[in-house]
Amino acid sequence: MPIYEYRCLDCERTFETLVRPGHDDAECPSCSGNHLTREMSVFASRSNGAGAALAASAIAANGGSRMGGGGCCGGGCGCQ
């Protein structure tokens, strides 16, 4: 089920809600109004950078190749 962001035009509150397919009957949790506009959602991600640094060092250690042993289709599972 998708999560949509709405803005209530009656009380000016912004909120998120799960919407079931075929049911776009969202209601403001603050004033119970249904005079809403769907807002553009923003994707947020947070990282300390350690994951990217680890991946880069693993690629460098593998001779610059992303495909290496140990993963499926890298030869580690015996599929090749």
PDB file of N, CA and C in Angstrom:
ATOM      1  N   MET A   1       0.846  -1.182   0.000  1.00  0.00           N
ATOM      2  CA  MET A   1       0.000   0.000   0.000  1.00  0.00           C
ATOM      3  C   MET A   1       0.887   1.238   0.000  1.00  0.00           C
ATOM      4  N   PRO A   2       0.582   2.174  -0.876  1.00  0.00           N
ATOM      5  CA  PRO A   2       1.399   3.392  -0.925  1.00  0.00           C
ATOM      6  C   PRO A   2       1.091   4.336   0.236  1.00  0.00           C
ATOM      7  N   ILE A   3       2.100   5.080   0.613  1.00  0.00           N
ATOM      8  CA  ILE A   3       1.949   6.133   1.615  1.00  0.00           C
ATOM      9  C   ILE A   3       1.951   7.454   0.862  1.00  0.00           C
ATOM     10  N   TYR A   4       0.913   8.244   1.061  1.00  0.00           N
ATOM     11  CA  TYR A   4       0.813   9.546   0.411  1.00  0.00           C
ATOM     12  C   TYR A   4       0.876  10.654   1.444  1.00  0.00           C
ATOM     13  N   GLU A   5       1.390  11.797   1.012  1.00  0.00           N
ATOM     14  CA  GLU A   5       1.389  12.995   1.845  1.00  0.00           C
ATOM     15  C   GLU A   5       0.254  13.895   1.366  1.00  0.00           C
ATOM     16  N   TYR A   6      -0.483  14.418   2.309  1.00  0.00           N
ATOM     17  CA  TYR A   6      -1.600  15.306   1.998  1.00  0.00           C
ATOM     18  C   TYR A   6      -1.457  16.598   2.778  1.00  0.00           C
ATOM     19  N   ARG A   7      -2.115  17.632   2.278  1.00  0.00           N
ATOM     20  CA  ARG A   7      -2.237  18.908   2.988  1.00  0.00           C
ATOM     21  C   ARG A   7      -3.720  19.225   3.050  1.00  0.00           C
ATOM     22  N   CYS A   8      -4.190  19.444   4.273  1.00  0.00           N
ATOM     23  CA  CYS A   8      -5.590  19.780   4.481  1.00  0.00           C
ATOM     24  C   CYS A   8      -5.785  21.267   4.174  1.00  0.00           C
ATOM     25  N   LEU A   9      -6.703  21.565   3.285  1.00  0.00           N
ATOM     26  CA  LEU A   9      -6.960  22.954   2.918  1.00  0.00           C
ATOM     27  C   LEU A   9      -7.809  23.680   3.957  1.00  0.00           C
ATOM     28  N   ASP A  10      -8.426  22.927   4.874  1.00  0.00           N
ATOM     29  CA  ASP A  10      -9.235  23.544   5.923  1.00  0.00           C
ATOM     30  C   ASP A  10      -8.380  24.019   7.094  1.00  0.00           C
ATOM     31  N   CYS A  11      -7.471  23.147   7.581  1.00  0.00           N
ATOM     32  CA  CYS A  11      -6.679  23.508   8.765  1.00  0.00           C
ATOM     33  C   CYS A  11      -5.193  23.693   8.460  1.00  0.00           C
ATOM     34  N   GLU A  12      -4.801  23.523   7.178  1.00  0.00           N
ATOM     35  CA  GLU A  12      -3.419  23.728   6.738  1.00  0.00           C
ATOM     36  C   GLU A  12      -2.428  22.713   7.315  1.00  0.00           C
ATOM     37  N   ARG A  13      -2.892  21.595   7.830  1.00  0.00           N
ATOM     38  CA  ARG A  13      -1.993  20.584   8.385  1.00  0.00           C
ATOM     39  C   ARG A  13      -1.519  19.656   7.266  1.00  0.00           C
ATOM     40  N   THR A  14      -0.249  19.234   7.335  1.00  0.00           N
ATOM     41  CA  THR A  14       0.319  18.265   6.415  1.00  0.00           C
ATOM     42  C   THR A  14       0.456  16.944   7.154  1.00  0.00           C
ATOM     43  N   PHE A  15       0.078  15.846   6.487  1.00  0.00           N
ATOM     44  CA  PHE A  15       0.147  14.534   7.134  1.00  0.00           C
ATOM     45  C   PHE A  15       0.358  13.453   6.085  1.00  0.00           C
ATOM     46  N   GLU A  16       0.764  12.275   6.539  1.00  0.00           N
ATOM     47  CA  GLU A  16       0.941  11.107   5.688  1.00  0.00           C
ATOM     48  C   GLU A  16      -0.096  10.073   6.060  1.00  0.00           C
ATOM     49  N   THR A  17      -0.511   9.279   5.079  1.00  0.00           N
ATOM     50  CA  THR A  17      -1.452   8.206   5.364  1.00  0.00           C
ATOM     51  C   THR A  17      -1.290   7.087   4.345  1.00  0.00           C
ATOM     52  N   LEU A  18      -1.580   5.866   4.764  1.00  0.00           N
ATOM     53  CA  LEU A  18      -1.599   4.720   3.868  1.00  0.00           C
ATOM     54  C   LEU A  18      -2.897   4.748   3.085  1.00  0.00           C
ATOM     55  N   VAL A  19      -2.822   4.476   1.798  1.00  0.00           N
ATOM     56  CA  VAL A  19      -4.012   4.494   0.963  1.00  0.00           C
ATOM     57  C   VAL A  19      -4.144   3.136   0.281  1.00  0.00           C
ATOM     58  N   ARG A  20      -5.268   2.484   0.483  1.00  0.00           N
ATOM     59  CA  ARG A  20      -5.528   1.201  -0.149  1.00  0.00           C
ATOM     60  C   ARG A  20      -5.842   1.427  -1.620  1.00  0.00           C
ATOM     61  N   PRO A  21      -5.411   0.518  -2.490  1.00  0.00           N
ATOM     62  CA  PRO A  21      -5.703   0.659  -3.922  1.00  0.00           C
ATOM     63  C   PRO A  21      -7.206   0.775  -4.170  1.00  0.00           C
ATOM     64  N   GLY A  22      -7.584   1.754  -4.959  1.00  0.00           N
ATOM     65  CA  GLY A  22      -8.993   1.983  -5.270  1.00  0.00           C
ATOM     66  C   GLY A  22      -9.745   2.784  -4.230  1.00  0.00           C
ATOM     67  N   HIS A  23      -9.098   3.135  -3.116  1.00  0.00           N
ATOM     68  CA  HIS A  23      -9.749   3.910  -2.049  1.00  0.00           C
ATOM     69  C   HIS A  23      -8.935   5.175  -1.798  1.00  0.00           C
ATOM     70  N   ASP A  24      -9.328   6.266  -2.374  1.00  0.00           N
ATOM     71  CA  ASP A  24      -8.627   7.532  -2.148  1.00  0.00           C
ATOM     72  C   ASP A  24      -9.494   8.420  -1.261  1.00  0.00           C
ATOM     73  N   ASP A  25      -9.895   7.862  -0.116  1.00  0.00           N
ATOM     74  CA  ASP A  25     -10.797   8.557   0.785  1.00  0.00           C
ATOM     75  C   ASP A  25     -10.090   9.001   2.065  1.00  0.00           C
ATOM     76  N   ALA A  26      -8.931   9.651   1.901  1.00  0.00           N
ATOM     77  CA  ALA A  26      -8.165  10.099   3.054  1.00  0.00           C
ATOM     78  C   ALA A  26      -8.922  11.188   3.803  1.00  0.00           C
ATOM     79  N   GLU A  27      -8.643  11.265   5.095  1.00  0.00           N
ATOM     80  CA  GLU A  27      -9.294  12.241   5.963  1.00  0.00           C
ATOM     81  C   GLU A  27      -8.238  12.861   6.865  1.00  0.00           C
ATOM     82  N   CYS A  28      -8.324  14.157   7.093  1.00  0.00           N
ATOM     83  CA  CYS A  28      -7.368  14.855   7.947  1.00  0.00           C
ATOM     84  C   CYS A  28      -7.491  14.352   9.388  1.00  0.00           C
ATOM     85  N   PRO A  29      -6.382  13.930   9.995  1.00  0.00           N
ATOM     86  CA  PRO A  29      -6.448  13.440  11.368  1.00  0.00           C
ATOM     87  C   PRO A  29      -6.674  14.556  12.392  1.00  0.00           C
ATOM     88  N   SER A  30      -6.471  15.797  11.978  1.00  0.00           N
ATOM     89  CA  SER A  30      -6.625  16.913  12.900  1.00  0.00           C
ATOM     90  C   SER A  30      -8.056  17.442  12.957  1.00  0.00           C
ATOM     91  N   CYS A  31      -8.654  17.678  11.770  1.00  0.00           N
ATOM     92  CA  CYS A  31      -9.987  18.293  11.749  1.00  0.00           C
ATOM     93  C   CYS A  31     -11.045  17.407  11.099  1.00  0.00           C
ATOM     94  N   SER A  32     -10.651  16.195  10.676  1.00  0.00           N
ATOM     95  CA  SER A  32     -11.540  15.232  10.000  1.00  0.00           C
ATOM     96  C   SER A  32     -12.067  15.739   8.670  1.00  0.00           C
ATOM     97  N   GLY A  33     -11.409  16.756   8.121  1.00  0.00           N
ATOM     98  CA  GLY A  33     -11.826  17.290   6.827  1.00  0.00           C
ATOM     99  C   GLY A  33     -11.357  16.404   5.679  1.00  0.00           C
ATOM    100  N   ASN A  34     -12.013  16.545   4.541  1.00  0.00           N
ATOM    101  CA  ASN A  34     -11.595  15.785   3.370  1.00  0.00           C
ATOM    102  C   ASN A  34     -11.322  16.689   2.171  1.00  0.00           C
ATOM    103  N   HIS A  35     -11.121  17.962   2.436  1.00  0.00           N
ATOM    104  CA  HIS A  35     -10.743  18.933   1.408  1.00  0.00           C
ATOM    105  C   HIS A  35      -9.214  18.966   1.377  1.00  0.00           C
ATOM    106  N   LEU A  36      -8.611  17.986   0.642  1.00  0.00           N
ATOM    107  CA  LEU A  36      -7.177  17.742   0.696  1.00  0.00           C
ATOM    108  C   LEU A  36      -6.523  17.893  -0.668  1.00  0.00           C
ATOM    109  N   THR A  37      -5.245  18.206  -0.645  1.00  0.00           N
ATOM    110  CA  THR A  37      -4.427  18.146  -1.853  1.00  0.00           C
ATOM    111  C   THR A  37      -3.300  17.176  -1.589  1.00  0.00           C
ATOM    112  N   ARG A  38      -2.970  16.371  -2.604  1.00  0.00           N
ATOM    113  CA  ARG A  38      -1.859  15.425  -2.455  1.00  0.00           C
ATOM    114  C   ARG A  38      -0.562  16.177  -2.718  1.00  0.00           C
ATOM    115  N   GLU A  39       0.366  16.072  -1.793  1.00  0.00           N
ATOM    116  CA  GLU A  39       1.649  16.754  -1.894  1.00  0.00           C
ATOM    117  C   GLU A  39       2.686  15.835  -2.530  1.00  0.00           C
ATOM    118  N   MET A  40       3.748  16.428  -3.021  1.00  0.00           N
ATOM    119  CA  MET A  40       4.856  15.660  -3.568  1.00  0.00           C
ATOM    120  C   MET A  40       5.671  15.098  -2.408  1.00  0.00           C
ATOM    121  N   SER A  41       5.857  13.798  -2.391  1.00  0.00           N
ATOM    122  CA  SER A  41       6.630  13.168  -1.322  1.00  0.00           C
ATOM    123  C   SER A  41       8.118  13.297  -1.612  1.00  0.00           C
ATOM    124  N   VAL A  42       8.896  13.309  -0.555  1.00  0.00           N
ATOM    125  CA  VAL A  42      10.342  13.392  -0.675  1.00  0.00           C
ATOM    126  C   VAL A  42      10.950  12.135  -0.070  1.00  0.00           C
ATOM    127  N   PHE A  43      11.895  11.568  -0.749  1.00  0.00           N
ATOM    128  CA  PHE A  43      12.583  10.403  -0.233  1.00  0.00           C
ATOM    129  C   PHE A  43      13.764  10.888   0.588  1.00  0.00           C
ATOM    130  N   ALA A  44      13.902  10.354   1.780  1.00  0.00           N
ATOM    131  CA  ALA A  44      15.009  10.752   2.643  1.00  0.00           C
ATOM    132  C   ALA A  44      15.852   9.538   2.963  1.00  0.00           C
ATOM    133  N   SER A  45      17.139   9.746   2.948  1.00  0.00           N
ATOM    134  CA  SER A  45      18.065   8.676   3.274  1.00  0.00           C
ATOM    135  C   SER A  45      19.175   9.261   4.124  1.00  0.00           C
ATOM    136  N   ARG A  46      19.665   8.465   5.031  1.00  0.00           N
ATOM    137  CA  ARG A  46      20.703   8.950   5.919  1.00  0.00           C
ATOM    138  C   ARG A  46      21.838   7.942   5.920  1.00  0.00           C
ATOM    139  N   SER A  47      23.050   8.434   5.822  1.00  0.00           N
ATOM    140  CA  SER A  47      24.207   7.561   5.795  1.00  0.00           C
ATOM    141  C   SER A  47      25.379   8.266   6.444  1.00  0.00           C
ATOM    142  N   ASN A  48      26.214   7.479   7.085  1.00  0.00           N
ATOM    143  CA  ASN A  48      27.419   8.061   7.659  1.00  0.00           C
ATOM    144  C   ASN A  48      28.591   7.926   6.705  1.00  0.00           C
ATOM    145  N   GLY A  49      28.346   7.346   5.527  1.00  0.00           N
ATOM    146  CA  GLY A  49      29.387   7.212   4.512  1.00  0.00           C
ATOM    147  C   GLY A  49      30.214   5.949   4.647  1.00  0.00           C
ATOM    148  N   ALA A  50      30.099   5.222   5.747  1.00  0.00           N
ATOM    149  CA  ALA A  50      30.913   4.031   5.966  1.00  0.00           C
ATOM    150  C   ALA A  50      30.567   2.936   4.965  1.00  0.00           C
ATOM    151  N   GLY A  51      29.303   2.793   4.620  1.00  0.00           N
ATOM    152  CA  GLY A  51      28.898   1.757   3.680  1.00  0.00           C
ATOM    153  C   GLY A  51      29.485   1.981   2.300  1.00  0.00           C
ATOM    154  N   ALA A  52      29.466   3.218   1.819  1.00  0.00           N
ATOM    155  CA  ALA A  52      30.022   3.533   0.510  1.00  0.00           C
ATOM    156  C   ALA A  52      31.535   3.334   0.501  1.00  0.00           C
ATOM    157  N   ALA A  53      32.196   3.702   1.567  1.00  0.00           N
ATOM    158  CA  ALA A  53      33.645   3.519   1.658  1.00  0.00           C
ATOM    159  C   ALA A  53      34.006   2.040   1.679  1.00  0.00           C
ATOM    160  N   LEU A  54      33.219   1.241   2.392  1.00  0.00           N
ATOM    161  CA  LEU A  54      33.453  -0.197   2.434  1.00  0.00           C
ATOM    162  C   LEU A  54      33.260  -0.825   1.059  1.00  0.00           C
ATOM    163  N   ALA A  55      32.215  -0.432   0.351  1.00  0.00           N
ATOM    164  CA  ALA A  55      31.963  -0.963  -0.985  1.00  0.00           C
ATOM    165  C   ALA A  55      33.089  -0.579  -1.940  1.00  0.00           C
ATOM    166  N   ALA A  56      33.543   0.660  -1.867  1.00  0.00           N
ATOM    167  CA  ALA A  56      34.625   1.110  -2.739  1.00  0.00           C
ATOM    168  C   ALA A  56      35.913   0.344  -2.463  1.00  0.00           C
ATOM    169  N   SER A  57      36.208   0.074  -1.196  1.00  0.00           N
ATOM    170  CA  SER A  57      37.431  -0.671  -0.891  1.00  0.00           C
ATOM    171  C   SER A  57      37.313  -2.123  -1.322  1.00  0.00           C
ATOM    172  N   ALA A  58      36.115  -2.708  -1.255  1.00  0.00           N
ATOM    173  CA  ALA A  58      35.924  -4.087  -1.711  1.00  0.00           C
ATOM    174  C   ALA A  58      36.090  -4.176  -3.222  1.00  0.00           C
ATOM    175  N   ILE A  59      35.587  -3.180  -3.953  1.00  0.00           N
ATOM    176  CA  ILE A  59      35.739  -3.171  -5.407  1.00  0.00           C
ATOM    177  C   ILE A  59      37.211  -3.006  -5.764  1.00  0.00           C
ATOM    178  N   ALA A  60      37.906  -2.117  -5.080  1.00  0.00           N
ATOM    179  CA  ALA A  60      39.328  -1.904  -5.341  1.00  0.00           C
ATOM    180  C   ALA A  60      40.135  -3.166  -5.045  1.00  0.00           C
ATOM    181  N   ALA A  61      39.791  -3.877  -3.969  1.00  0.00           N
ATOM    182  CA  ALA A  61      40.502  -5.102  -3.605  1.00  0.00           C
ATOM    183  C   ALA A  61      40.250  -6.216  -4.609  1.00  0.00           C
ATOM    184  N   ASN A  62      39.164  -6.119  -5.349  1.00  0.00           N
ATOM    185  CA  ASN A  62      38.798  -7.126  -6.333  1.00  0.00           C
ATOM    186  C   ASN A  62      39.299  -6.740  -7.725  1.00  0.00           C
ATOM    187  N   GLY A  63      40.265  -5.852  -7.786  1.00  0.00           N
ATOM    188  CA  GLY A  63      40.829  -5.449  -9.068  1.00  0.00           C
ATOM    189  C   GLY A  63      39.939  -4.501  -9.848  1.00  0.00           C
ATOM    190  N   GLY A  64      39.030  -3.851  -9.176  1.00  0.00           N
ATOM    191  CA  GLY A  64      38.149  -2.888  -9.834  1.00  0.00           C
ATOM    192  C   GLY A  64      36.897  -3.511 -10.407  1.00  0.00           C
ATOM    193  N   SER A  65      36.731  -4.815 -10.265  1.00  0.00           N
ATOM    194  CA  SER A  65      35.553  -5.487 -10.800  1.00  0.00           C
ATOM    195  C   SER A  65      34.478  -5.584  -9.740  1.00  0.00           C
ATOM    196  N   ARG A  66      33.261  -5.284 -10.109  1.00  0.00           N
ATOM    197  CA  ARG A  66      32.147  -5.395  -9.173  1.00  0.00           C
ATOM    198  C   ARG A  66      31.695  -6.839  -9.027  1.00  0.00           C
ATOM    199  N   MET A  67      31.849  -7.648 -10.086  1.00  0.00           N
ATOM    200  CA  MET A  67      31.431  -9.040 -10.014  1.00  0.00           C
ATOM    201  C   MET A  67      32.608  -9.853  -9.499  1.00  0.00           C
ATOM    202  N   GLY A  68      32.432 -10.487  -8.413  1.00  0.00           N
ATOM    203  CA  GLY A  68      33.480 -11.305  -7.842  1.00  0.00           C
ATOM    204  C   GLY A  68      32.894 -12.566  -7.287  1.00  0.00           C
ATOM    205  N   GLY A  69      33.708 -13.370  -6.670  1.00  0.00           N
ATOM    206  CA  GLY A  69      33.233 -14.611  -6.095  1.00  0.00           C
ATOM    207  C   GLY A  69      32.392 -14.347  -4.848  1.00  0.00           C
ATOM    208  N   GLY A  70      31.586 -15.334  -4.497  1.00  0.00           N
ATOM    209  CA  GLY A  70      30.840 -15.224  -3.274  1.00  0.00           C
ATOM    210  C   GLY A  70      29.375 -14.921  -3.451  1.00  0.00           C
ATOM    211  N   GLY A  71      29.015 -14.332  -4.572  1.00  0.00           N
ATOM    212  CA  GLY A  71      27.617 -14.008  -4.794  1.00  0.00           C
ATOM    213  C   GLY A  71      27.071 -14.799  -5.969  1.00  0.00           C
ATOM    214  N   CYS A  72      25.786 -14.878  -6.090  1.00  0.00           N
ATOM    215  CA  CYS A  72      25.184 -15.585  -7.205  1.00  0.00           C
ATOM    216  C   CYS A  72      25.627 -14.936  -8.509  1.00  0.00           C
ATOM    217  N   CYS A  73      25.935 -15.730  -9.500  1.00  0.00           N
ATOM    218  CA  CYS A  73      26.415 -15.311 -10.803  1.00  0.00           C
ATOM    219  C   CYS A  73      27.820 -14.698 -10.722  1.00  0.00           C
ATOM    220  N   GLY A  74      28.445 -14.803  -9.587  1.00  0.00           N
ATOM    221  CA  GLY A  74      29.841 -14.421  -9.441  1.00  0.00           C
ATOM    222  C   GLY A  74      30.695 -15.671  -9.325  1.00  0.00           C
ATOM    223  N   GLY A  75      30.070 -16.822  -9.391  1.00  0.00           N
ATOM    224  CA  GLY A  75      30.798 -18.080  -9.339  1.00  0.00           C
ATOM    225  C   GLY A  75      30.796 -18.732  -7.994  1.00  0.00           C
ATOM    226  N   GLY A  76      30.413 -18.017  -6.941  1.00  0.00           N
ATOM    227  CA  GLY A  76      30.478 -18.566  -5.596  1.00  0.00           C
ATOM    228  C   GLY A  76      29.403 -19.605  -5.290  1.00  0.00           C
ATOM    229  N   CYS A  77      28.306 -19.585  -6.029  1.00  0.00           N
ATOM    230  CA  CYS A  77      27.224 -20.506  -5.738  1.00  0.00           C
ATOM    231  C   CYS A  77      27.264 -21.756  -6.606  1.00  0.00           C
ATOM    232  N   GLY A  78      28.204 -21.805  -7.546  1.00  0.00           N
ATOM    233  CA  GLY A  78      28.339 -22.980  -8.412  1.00  0.00           C
ATOM    234  C   GLY A  78      27.418 -22.968  -9.600  1.00  0.00           C
ATOM    235  N   CYS A  79      26.783 -21.854  -9.905  1.00  0.00           N
ATOM    236  CA  CYS A  79      25.831 -21.800 -11.013  1.00  0.00           C
ATOM    237  C   CYS A  79      26.512 -21.713 -12.368  1.00  0.00           C
ATOM    238  N   GLN A  80      27.807 -21.470 -12.398  1.00  0.00           N
ATOM    239  CA  GLN A  80      28.502 -21.317 -13.683  1.00  0.00           C
ATOM    240  C   GLN A  80      29.410 -22.452 -13.977  1.00  0.00           C
TER     241      GLN A  80
END
